[in-house]
């Protein structure tokens, strides 16, 4: 969540800031679900479902439609906000793997894992969108040393 917050602070685009605030609310919900250690909790625990996954997929599709098609892998960076989107993406992948491991021991809402899988994809596409907004040309990765 902290990396999402930092990314939000680095971007001035109102629509992206609103998306990231919405994502932060979902991340808080997932944190409360994962922290709840009771079957009959005295407080209502939110449900992270298909609606949250669909939100990410819609935003990915919207951003992707405004970007040039990828023809190679990209070297991350070019602007602090672009780099921060990639940090958020990699932390998100690590979170997904941690939740998958936890799901071997306890029952996890299935859509939480889907959400973090799609969230990392969202951050990748968002990094490209932010690069576009800042006029940053991202360097293609050229295999071979």
N, C-alpha and C. Protein backbone atom coordinates (compact mmCIF):
# COMPACT_ATOMS: atom_id res chain seq x y z
N UNK A 1 0.82 -1.19 0.00
CA UNK A 1 0.00 0.00 0.00
C UNK A 1 0.86 1.26 0.00
N UNK A 2 1.96 1.23 0.73
CA UNK A 2 2.81 2.42 0.81
C UNK A 2 3.37 2.78 -0.57
N UNK A 3 3.69 1.78 -1.38
CA UNK A 3 4.21 2.08 -2.72
C UNK A 3 3.12 2.64 -3.62
N UNK A 4 1.89 2.19 -3.45
CA UNK A 4 0.77 2.75 -4.20
C UNK A 4 0.55 4.20 -3.78
N UNK A 5 0.66 4.47 -2.49
CA UNK A 5 0.50 5.83 -1.99
C UNK A 5 1.59 6.75 -2.54
N UNK A 6 2.83 6.29 -2.51
CA UNK A 6 3.92 7.10 -3.04
C UNK A 6 3.70 7.38 -4.53
N UNK A 7 3.28 6.37 -5.28
CA UNK A 7 3.01 6.57 -6.70
C UNK A 7 1.92 7.61 -6.88
N UNK A 8 0.87 7.53 -6.09
CA UNK A 8 -0.22 8.50 -6.17
C UNK A 8 0.30 9.91 -5.90
N UNK A 9 1.23 10.05 -4.97
CA UNK A 9 1.79 11.36 -4.65
C UNK A 9 2.68 11.91 -5.76
N UNK A 10 3.20 11.03 -6.62
CA UNK A 10 4.09 11.45 -7.70
C UNK A 10 3.37 11.83 -8.98
N UNK A 11 2.08 11.50 -9.06
CA UNK A 11 1.31 11.73 -10.29
C UNK A 11 0.29 12.83 -10.04
N UNK A 12 0.19 13.76 -10.98
CA UNK A 12 -0.77 14.86 -10.85
C UNK A 12 -2.06 14.62 -11.61
N UNK A 13 -2.08 13.67 -12.52
CA UNK A 13 -3.27 13.38 -13.31
C UNK A 13 -4.41 12.97 -12.38
N UNK A 14 -5.50 13.72 -12.43
CA UNK A 14 -6.62 13.52 -11.50
C UNK A 14 -7.23 12.13 -11.66
N UNK A 15 -7.43 11.68 -12.89
CA UNK A 15 -8.05 10.37 -13.11
C UNK A 15 -7.19 9.24 -12.54
N UNK A 16 -5.89 9.32 -12.76
CA UNK A 16 -5.00 8.29 -12.22
C UNK A 16 -4.98 8.35 -10.70
N UNK A 17 -4.96 9.55 -10.14
CA UNK A 17 -4.98 9.70 -8.68
C UNK A 17 -6.25 9.08 -8.09
N UNK A 18 -7.39 9.28 -8.76
CA UNK A 18 -8.66 8.70 -8.29
C UNK A 18 -8.62 7.17 -8.39
N UNK A 19 -8.06 6.64 -9.49
CA UNK A 19 -7.93 5.20 -9.63
C UNK A 19 -7.07 4.63 -8.50
N UNK A 20 -5.96 5.29 -8.23
CA UNK A 20 -5.05 4.80 -7.20
C UNK A 20 -5.68 4.89 -5.81
N UNK A 21 -6.49 5.92 -5.57
CA UNK A 21 -7.21 5.99 -4.29
C UNK A 21 -8.19 4.83 -4.16
N UNK A 22 -8.89 4.53 -5.24
CA UNK A 22 -9.81 3.40 -5.25
C UNK A 22 -9.05 2.10 -4.98
N UNK A 23 -7.90 1.95 -5.62
CA UNK A 23 -7.07 0.75 -5.41
C UNK A 23 -6.58 0.68 -3.97
N UNK A 24 -6.20 1.81 -3.40
CA UNK A 24 -5.77 1.83 -2.00
C UNK A 24 -6.89 1.34 -1.08
N UNK A 25 -8.12 1.73 -1.37
CA UNK A 25 -9.26 1.26 -0.57
C UNK A 25 -9.41 -0.25 -0.69
N UNK A 26 -9.22 -0.78 -1.89
CA UNK A 26 -9.30 -2.24 -2.07
C UNK A 26 -8.13 -2.91 -1.35
N UNK A 27 -6.95 -2.34 -1.44
CA UNK A 27 -5.80 -2.92 -0.74
C UNK A 27 -6.05 -2.93 0.78
N UNK A 28 -6.65 -1.88 1.30
CA UNK A 28 -6.98 -1.87 2.74
C UNK A 28 -7.98 -2.98 3.06
N UNK A 29 -8.94 -3.19 2.17
CA UNK A 29 -9.92 -4.27 2.38
C UNK A 29 -9.22 -5.63 2.37
N UNK A 30 -8.30 -5.83 1.41
CA UNK A 30 -7.60 -7.12 1.37
C UNK A 30 -6.75 -7.31 2.62
N UNK A 31 -6.14 -6.23 3.09
CA UNK A 31 -5.33 -6.33 4.32
C UNK A 31 -6.20 -6.72 5.50
N UNK A 32 -7.40 -6.17 5.59
CA UNK A 32 -8.28 -6.51 6.71
C UNK A 32 -8.75 -7.97 6.61
N UNK A 33 -9.01 -8.43 5.39
CA UNK A 33 -9.43 -9.82 5.20
C UNK A 33 -8.29 -10.75 5.61
N UNK A 34 -7.09 -10.44 5.16
CA UNK A 34 -5.95 -11.32 5.45
C UNK A 34 -5.55 -11.27 6.92
N UNK A 35 -5.81 -10.15 7.59
CA UNK A 35 -5.44 -10.01 9.00
C UNK A 35 -6.48 -10.64 9.93
N UNK A 36 -7.72 -10.79 9.43
CA UNK A 36 -8.78 -11.36 10.26
C UNK A 36 -8.46 -12.81 10.55
N UNK A 37 -8.35 -13.12 11.82
CA UNK A 37 -7.98 -14.48 12.23
C UNK A 37 -9.13 -15.10 13.01
N UNK A 38 -10.32 -15.00 12.41
CA UNK A 38 -11.46 -15.58 13.10
C UNK A 38 -12.53 -15.96 12.08
N UNK A 39 -13.25 -17.02 12.38
CA UNK A 39 -14.33 -17.44 11.50
C UNK A 39 -15.61 -16.67 11.79
N UNK A 40 -15.76 -16.22 13.03
CA UNK A 40 -16.96 -15.50 13.43
C UNK A 40 -16.54 -14.16 14.03
N UNK A 41 -15.97 -13.29 13.19
CA UNK A 41 -15.42 -12.01 13.66
C UNK A 41 -16.54 -11.09 14.13
N UNK A 42 -16.29 -10.31 15.17
CA UNK A 42 -17.31 -9.39 15.69
C UNK A 42 -17.54 -8.18 14.79
N UNK A 43 -16.66 -7.96 13.82
CA UNK A 43 -16.84 -6.84 12.88
C UNK A 43 -17.01 -7.41 11.48
N UNK A 44 -17.66 -6.62 10.62
CA UNK A 44 -17.87 -7.07 9.25
C UNK A 44 -16.57 -6.97 8.46
N UNK A 45 -16.18 -8.06 7.86
CA UNK A 45 -14.97 -8.11 7.05
C UNK A 45 -15.39 -7.93 5.59
N UNK A 46 -14.75 -7.02 4.86
CA UNK A 46 -15.15 -6.80 3.46
C UNK A 46 -14.88 -8.04 2.60
N UNK A 47 -15.61 -8.12 1.51
CA UNK A 47 -15.41 -9.19 0.55
C UNK A 47 -14.77 -8.57 -0.69
N UNK A 48 -13.65 -9.12 -1.08
CA UNK A 48 -12.99 -8.69 -2.30
C UNK A 48 -13.40 -9.67 -3.38
N UNK A 49 -14.11 -9.17 -4.38
CA UNK A 49 -14.69 -10.08 -5.36
C UNK A 49 -14.37 -9.71 -6.79
N UNK A 50 -15.16 -10.28 -7.67
CA UNK A 50 -14.97 -10.10 -9.11
C UNK A 50 -15.09 -8.64 -9.52
N UNK A 51 -15.90 -7.86 -8.81
CA UNK A 51 -16.07 -6.44 -9.14
C UNK A 51 -14.73 -5.69 -9.07
N UNK A 52 -13.93 -5.98 -8.06
CA UNK A 52 -12.64 -5.31 -7.91
C UNK A 52 -11.66 -5.76 -8.99
N UNK A 53 -11.71 -7.04 -9.35
CA UNK A 53 -10.85 -7.56 -10.42
C UNK A 53 -11.27 -6.91 -11.75
N UNK A 54 -12.57 -6.84 -11.98
CA UNK A 54 -13.10 -6.24 -13.21
C UNK A 54 -12.71 -4.76 -13.32
N UNK A 55 -12.71 -4.04 -12.20
CA UNK A 55 -12.29 -2.64 -12.20
C UNK A 55 -10.88 -2.51 -12.79
N UNK A 56 -9.97 -3.37 -12.31
CA UNK A 56 -8.59 -3.32 -12.80
C UNK A 56 -8.52 -3.66 -14.28
N UNK A 57 -9.25 -4.68 -14.69
CA UNK A 57 -9.22 -5.09 -16.09
C UNK A 57 -9.75 -3.98 -17.00
N UNK A 58 -10.78 -3.29 -16.57
CA UNK A 58 -11.33 -2.19 -17.36
C UNK A 58 -10.32 -1.06 -17.48
N UNK A 59 -9.64 -0.73 -16.38
CA UNK A 59 -8.66 0.36 -16.41
C UNK A 59 -7.45 -0.03 -17.26
N UNK A 60 -7.04 -1.29 -17.19
CA UNK A 60 -5.93 -1.76 -18.02
C UNK A 60 -6.30 -1.60 -19.49
N UNK A 61 -7.51 -2.05 -19.86
CA UNK A 61 -7.95 -1.95 -21.25
C UNK A 61 -8.04 -0.51 -21.73
N UNK A 62 -8.56 0.38 -20.88
CA UNK A 62 -8.67 1.80 -21.24
C UNK A 62 -7.30 2.41 -21.50
N UNK A 63 -6.36 2.17 -20.59
CA UNK A 63 -5.01 2.73 -20.77
C UNK A 63 -4.32 2.12 -21.98
N UNK A 64 -4.45 0.80 -22.12
CA UNK A 64 -3.77 0.10 -23.20
C UNK A 64 -4.23 0.61 -24.56
N UNK A 65 -5.50 0.97 -24.67
CA UNK A 65 -6.05 1.46 -25.94
C UNK A 65 -5.39 2.77 -26.37
N UNK A 66 -4.85 3.52 -25.43
CA UNK A 66 -4.24 4.81 -25.75
C UNK A 66 -2.72 4.72 -25.93
N UNK A 67 -2.17 3.52 -25.80
CA UNK A 67 -0.72 3.32 -25.88
C UNK A 67 -0.34 2.62 -27.17
N UNK A 68 0.88 2.87 -27.62
CA UNK A 68 1.38 2.15 -28.79
C UNK A 68 1.62 0.69 -28.39
N UNK A 69 1.40 -0.22 -29.33
CA UNK A 69 1.64 -1.64 -29.02
C UNK A 69 3.09 -1.88 -28.63
N UNK A 70 3.29 -2.81 -27.71
CA UNK A 70 4.65 -3.18 -27.31
C UNK A 70 5.29 -4.04 -28.41
N UNK A 71 6.54 -3.73 -28.70
CA UNK A 71 7.27 -4.54 -29.68
C UNK A 71 8.49 -5.20 -29.03
N UNK A 72 8.75 -4.85 -27.78
CA UNK A 72 9.86 -5.46 -27.05
C UNK A 72 9.63 -5.25 -25.56
N UNK A 73 10.44 -5.92 -24.75
CA UNK A 73 10.43 -5.64 -23.32
C UNK A 73 11.01 -4.25 -23.11
N UNK A 74 10.66 -3.62 -21.99
CA UNK A 74 11.13 -2.27 -21.70
C UNK A 74 12.05 -2.26 -20.49
N UNK A 75 13.04 -1.38 -20.55
CA UNK A 75 13.86 -1.12 -19.37
C UNK A 75 13.06 -0.13 -18.52
N UNK A 76 12.73 -0.49 -17.27
CA UNK A 76 11.93 0.42 -16.44
C UNK A 76 12.67 1.73 -16.17
N UNK A 77 11.91 2.80 -16.04
CA UNK A 77 12.48 4.07 -15.64
C UNK A 77 12.22 5.20 -16.61
N UNK A 78 12.95 6.28 -16.40
CA UNK A 78 12.81 7.47 -17.23
C UNK A 78 12.20 8.64 -16.48
N UNK A 79 11.52 8.35 -15.41
CA UNK A 79 10.89 9.38 -14.57
C UNK A 79 10.60 8.71 -13.22
N UNK A 80 10.73 9.45 -12.11
CA UNK A 80 10.47 8.83 -10.80
C UNK A 80 9.09 8.15 -10.70
N UNK A 81 8.07 8.73 -11.31
CA UNK A 81 6.74 8.11 -11.24
C UNK A 81 6.68 6.81 -12.03
N UNK A 82 7.37 6.77 -13.16
CA UNK A 82 7.43 5.54 -13.95
C UNK A 82 8.14 4.45 -13.14
N UNK A 83 9.28 4.83 -12.55
CA UNK A 83 10.03 3.87 -11.74
C UNK A 83 9.21 3.39 -10.55
N UNK A 84 8.47 4.30 -9.92
CA UNK A 84 7.66 3.93 -8.76
C UNK A 84 6.54 2.97 -9.16
N UNK A 85 5.99 3.14 -10.34
CA UNK A 85 4.97 2.20 -10.82
C UNK A 85 5.56 0.80 -10.94
N UNK A 86 6.82 0.72 -11.37
CA UNK A 86 7.48 -0.58 -11.48
C UNK A 86 7.81 -1.16 -10.09
N UNK A 87 8.17 -0.31 -9.14
CA UNK A 87 8.38 -0.79 -7.77
C UNK A 87 7.07 -1.36 -7.23
N UNK A 88 5.98 -0.62 -7.43
CA UNK A 88 4.68 -1.10 -6.97
C UNK A 88 4.33 -2.43 -7.63
N UNK A 89 4.65 -2.56 -8.91
CA UNK A 89 4.38 -3.80 -9.65
C UNK A 89 5.15 -4.98 -9.06
N UNK A 90 6.43 -4.78 -8.79
CA UNK A 90 7.23 -5.90 -8.28
C UNK A 90 6.84 -6.27 -6.85
N UNK A 91 6.52 -5.28 -6.03
CA UNK A 91 6.06 -5.57 -4.67
C UNK A 91 4.72 -6.30 -4.73
N UNK A 92 3.89 -5.91 -5.68
CA UNK A 92 2.60 -6.57 -5.86
C UNK A 92 2.78 -8.04 -6.24
N UNK A 93 3.73 -8.34 -7.12
CA UNK A 93 4.01 -9.75 -7.49
C UNK A 93 4.46 -10.54 -6.27
N UNK A 94 5.30 -9.92 -5.45
CA UNK A 94 5.77 -10.59 -4.23
C UNK A 94 4.59 -10.83 -3.28
N UNK A 95 3.71 -9.86 -3.17
CA UNK A 95 2.52 -10.00 -2.33
C UNK A 95 1.65 -11.15 -2.82
N UNK A 96 1.48 -11.24 -4.13
CA UNK A 96 0.70 -12.33 -4.71
C UNK A 96 1.29 -13.69 -4.34
N UNK A 97 2.60 -13.81 -4.45
CA UNK A 97 3.25 -15.09 -4.10
C UNK A 97 3.09 -15.41 -2.61
N UNK A 98 3.18 -14.38 -1.77
CA UNK A 98 3.01 -14.59 -0.33
C UNK A 98 1.59 -15.05 -0.01
N UNK A 99 0.61 -14.44 -0.67
CA UNK A 99 -0.79 -14.82 -0.44
C UNK A 99 -1.02 -16.25 -0.94
N UNK A 100 -0.42 -16.60 -2.07
CA UNK A 100 -0.53 -17.98 -2.57
C UNK A 100 0.03 -18.97 -1.56
N UNK A 101 1.16 -18.65 -0.97
CA UNK A 101 1.74 -19.53 0.06
C UNK A 101 0.82 -19.62 1.27
N UNK A 102 0.28 -18.49 1.70
CA UNK A 102 -0.64 -18.48 2.83
C UNK A 102 -1.88 -19.32 2.54
N UNK A 103 -2.32 -19.30 1.29
CA UNK A 103 -3.53 -20.05 0.93
C UNK A 103 -3.35 -21.56 1.07
N UNK A 104 -2.11 -22.02 1.21
CA UNK A 104 -1.85 -23.44 1.45
C UNK A 104 -2.19 -23.82 2.90
N UNK A 105 -2.23 -22.81 3.77
CA UNK A 105 -2.47 -23.05 5.19
C UNK A 105 -3.86 -22.64 5.66
N UNK A 106 -4.39 -21.57 5.06
CA UNK A 106 -5.70 -21.06 5.47
C UNK A 106 -6.54 -20.76 4.22
N UNK A 107 -7.84 -20.69 4.43
CA UNK A 107 -8.75 -20.39 3.33
C UNK A 107 -8.67 -18.89 3.00
N UNK A 108 -8.36 -18.59 1.76
CA UNK A 108 -8.26 -17.20 1.29
C UNK A 108 -9.34 -16.98 0.24
N UNK A 109 -10.01 -15.83 0.31
CA UNK A 109 -10.95 -15.48 -0.74
C UNK A 109 -10.21 -15.54 -2.08
N UNK A 110 -10.72 -16.36 -3.00
CA UNK A 110 -10.05 -16.58 -4.28
C UNK A 110 -9.80 -15.32 -5.08
N UNK A 111 -10.69 -14.36 -5.00
CA UNK A 111 -10.54 -13.15 -5.80
C UNK A 111 -9.44 -12.23 -5.27
N UNK A 112 -8.98 -12.44 -4.05
CA UNK A 112 -7.85 -11.64 -3.55
C UNK A 112 -6.60 -11.98 -4.35
N UNK A 113 -6.39 -13.25 -4.62
CA UNK A 113 -5.23 -13.65 -5.41
C UNK A 113 -5.36 -13.10 -6.83
N UNK A 114 -6.55 -13.21 -7.42
CA UNK A 114 -6.79 -12.66 -8.76
C UNK A 114 -6.55 -11.15 -8.77
N UNK A 115 -7.02 -10.48 -7.72
CA UNK A 115 -6.87 -9.03 -7.64
C UNK A 115 -5.39 -8.65 -7.70
N UNK A 116 -4.56 -9.30 -6.90
CA UNK A 116 -3.13 -8.93 -6.89
C UNK A 116 -2.43 -9.33 -8.18
N UNK A 117 -2.89 -10.38 -8.82
CA UNK A 117 -2.34 -10.75 -10.12
C UNK A 117 -2.63 -9.66 -11.15
N UNK A 118 -3.86 -9.21 -11.18
CA UNK A 118 -4.24 -8.16 -12.14
C UNK A 118 -3.67 -6.80 -11.73
N UNK A 119 -3.51 -6.57 -10.43
CA UNK A 119 -2.95 -5.30 -9.97
C UNK A 119 -1.53 -5.11 -10.47
N UNK A 120 -0.74 -6.17 -10.48
CA UNK A 120 0.62 -6.03 -10.98
C UNK A 120 0.60 -5.70 -12.48
N UNK A 121 -0.33 -6.29 -13.23
CA UNK A 121 -0.48 -5.94 -14.64
C UNK A 121 -0.92 -4.49 -14.80
N UNK A 122 -1.83 -4.05 -13.94
CA UNK A 122 -2.28 -2.66 -13.95
C UNK A 122 -1.09 -1.72 -13.76
N UNK A 123 -0.23 -2.01 -12.78
CA UNK A 123 0.91 -1.14 -12.53
C UNK A 123 1.87 -1.10 -13.73
N UNK A 124 2.01 -2.21 -14.43
CA UNK A 124 2.87 -2.21 -15.62
C UNK A 124 2.30 -1.29 -16.70
N UNK A 125 1.01 -1.46 -16.99
CA UNK A 125 0.38 -0.62 -18.02
C UNK A 125 0.36 0.83 -17.55
N UNK A 126 0.13 1.05 -16.26
CA UNK A 126 0.15 2.40 -15.72
C UNK A 126 1.54 3.03 -15.89
N UNK A 127 2.59 2.26 -15.72
CA UNK A 127 3.94 2.81 -15.91
C UNK A 127 4.10 3.34 -17.33
N UNK A 128 3.56 2.61 -18.30
CA UNK A 128 3.62 3.05 -19.69
C UNK A 128 2.77 4.29 -19.91
N UNK A 129 1.59 4.34 -19.28
CA UNK A 129 0.71 5.50 -19.40
C UNK A 129 1.37 6.74 -18.79
N UNK A 130 1.99 6.56 -17.63
CA UNK A 130 2.67 7.69 -16.98
C UNK A 130 3.82 8.17 -17.85
N UNK A 131 4.57 7.25 -18.44
CA UNK A 131 5.66 7.63 -19.35
C UNK A 131 5.11 8.46 -20.50
N UNK A 132 3.98 8.04 -21.03
CA UNK A 132 3.34 8.79 -22.12
C UNK A 132 2.96 10.20 -21.65
N UNK A 133 2.36 10.29 -20.46
CA UNK A 133 1.94 11.60 -19.94
C UNK A 133 3.12 12.54 -19.73
N UNK A 134 4.25 12.00 -19.29
CA UNK A 134 5.43 12.82 -19.05
C UNK A 134 6.33 12.96 -20.28
N UNK A 135 5.92 12.36 -21.38
CA UNK A 135 6.72 12.45 -22.59
C UNK A 135 8.04 11.70 -22.51
N UNK A 136 8.05 10.62 -21.74
CA UNK A 136 9.26 9.83 -21.55
C UNK A 136 9.27 8.69 -22.57
N UNK A 137 10.36 8.59 -23.29
CA UNK A 137 10.53 7.45 -24.21
C UNK A 137 11.23 6.35 -23.43
N UNK A 138 10.54 5.23 -23.26
CA UNK A 138 11.12 4.13 -22.51
C UNK A 138 12.05 3.33 -23.41
N UNK A 139 13.20 2.98 -22.84
CA UNK A 139 14.21 2.25 -23.61
C UNK A 139 13.81 0.79 -23.78
N UNK A 140 13.89 0.28 -25.01
CA UNK A 140 13.63 -1.15 -25.19
C UNK A 140 14.78 -1.98 -24.64
N UNK A 141 14.44 -3.14 -24.13
CA UNK A 141 15.48 -4.06 -23.65
C UNK A 141 16.02 -4.82 -24.84
N UNK A 142 17.33 -4.84 -24.95
CA UNK A 142 17.99 -5.56 -26.04
C UNK A 142 18.76 -6.73 -25.42
N UNK A 143 18.24 -7.93 -25.61
CA UNK A 143 18.88 -9.11 -25.01
C UNK A 143 20.34 -9.24 -25.45
N UNK A 144 21.11 -9.80 -24.57
CA UNK A 144 22.52 -10.00 -24.87
C UNK A 144 23.35 -8.96 -24.14
N UNK A 145 24.48 -9.38 -23.70
CA UNK A 145 25.34 -8.45 -22.96
C UNK A 145 26.46 -7.99 -23.81
